[in-house]
């Protein structure tokens, strides 16, 4: 068995994890909120509908928006 070289260094506390302040999906929500349409279909290149729905739902919850996101026939719908 070969030996592994390593160093252990004491630290006072673990640093907090840095989180991204926004999301690449925020512009989708912003543009929808600016518009007058009550229902739109969202198409994101090279992403599955359920993945996009999940990401938008996370941003809606985080931002406290009163929007509904759903998937029907493999298409993502945003509704006010």
Protein backbone atom coordinates (compact mmCIF):
# COMPACT_ATOMS: atom_id res chain seq x y z
CA UNK A 1 0.00 0.00 0.00
CA UNK A 2 1.40 3.43 -0.97
CA UNK A 3 1.57 6.32 1.46
CA UNK A 4 -0.40 9.53 1.04
CA UNK A 5 1.18 12.88 1.79
CA UNK A 6 -1.13 15.35 3.59
CA UNK A 7 -1.26 18.28 6.02
CA UNK A 8 -3.89 19.01 8.68
CA UNK A 9 -4.29 22.67 9.64
CA UNK A 10 -6.45 23.93 12.51
CA UNK A 11 -9.06 26.62 11.75
CA UNK A 12 -11.29 28.68 14.06
CA UNK A 13 -14.49 28.16 12.06
CA UNK A 14 -15.73 26.90 8.74
CA UNK A 15 -16.39 29.67 6.18
CA UNK A 16 -19.99 30.21 5.12
CA UNK A 17 -20.94 28.94 1.72
CA UNK A 18 -21.28 31.61 -0.93
CA UNK A 19 -24.59 31.52 -2.74
CA UNK A 20 -25.40 33.04 -6.06
CA UNK A 21 -27.59 36.11 -5.56
CA UNK A 22 -29.66 35.53 -8.68
CA UNK A 23 -30.35 32.90 -11.27
CA UNK A 24 -30.14 32.63 -15.02
CA UNK A 25 -33.89 31.97 -14.87
CA UNK A 26 -34.67 35.35 -13.25
CA UNK A 27 -34.79 37.20 -16.60
CA UNK A 28 -37.59 34.84 -17.73
CA UNK A 29 -39.65 35.73 -14.67
CA UNK A 30 -38.83 39.44 -14.96
CA UNK A 31 -39.90 39.63 -18.59
CA UNK A 32 -43.12 37.74 -17.85
CA UNK A 33 -43.94 40.09 -14.97
CA UNK A 34 -43.33 43.14 -17.18
CA UNK A 35 -45.71 41.88 -19.86
CA UNK A 36 -49.50 41.93 -19.90
CA UNK A 37 -50.04 38.26 -20.79
CA UNK A 38 -51.67 36.12 -18.12
CA UNK A 39 -50.40 32.82 -19.61
CA UNK A 40 -47.27 32.08 -21.65
CA UNK A 41 -45.30 29.08 -22.89
CA UNK A 42 -41.63 29.09 -21.87
CA UNK A 43 -39.09 27.42 -24.14
CA UNK A 44 -35.49 27.04 -22.99
CA UNK A 45 -33.05 25.58 -25.51
CA UNK A 46 -31.60 22.17 -24.65
CA UNK A 47 -33.46 21.86 -21.33
CA UNK A 48 -36.23 19.39 -20.43
CA UNK A 49 -39.59 20.90 -19.51
CA UNK A 50 -39.61 19.36 -16.02
CA UNK A 51 -36.13 20.72 -15.29
CA UNK A 52 -37.14 24.23 -16.35
CA UNK A 53 -40.32 24.00 -14.27
CA UNK A 54 -38.29 23.00 -11.20
CA UNK A 55 -35.81 25.85 -11.65
CA UNK A 56 -38.55 28.43 -12.20
CA UNK A 57 -40.50 27.12 -9.19
CA UNK A 58 -37.43 27.52 -6.97
CA UNK A 59 -36.98 31.13 -8.12
CA UNK A 60 -40.69 31.90 -7.71
CA UNK A 61 -40.62 30.57 -4.14
CA UNK A 62 -37.38 32.35 -3.28
CA UNK A 63 -38.64 35.67 -4.63
CA UNK A 64 -42.10 35.26 -3.09
CA UNK A 65 -43.90 35.76 -6.40
CA UNK A 66 -47.55 34.88 -6.98
CA UNK A 67 -47.02 32.93 -10.18
CA UNK A 68 -47.90 29.38 -11.18
CA UNK A 69 -45.55 27.24 -13.26
CA UNK A 70 -46.69 23.95 -14.77
CA UNK A 71 -45.88 21.40 -17.46
CA UNK A 72 -48.38 20.00 -19.96
CA UNK A 73 -47.48 18.03 -23.08
CA UNK A 74 -43.79 18.61 -22.41
CA UNK A 75 -44.19 22.41 -22.47
CA UNK A 76 -43.67 24.82 -19.57
CA UNK A 77 -46.43 27.32 -18.80
CA UNK A 78 -46.18 30.42 -16.62
CA UNK A 79 -49.41 31.87 -15.30
CA UNK A 80 -50.26 35.01 -13.31
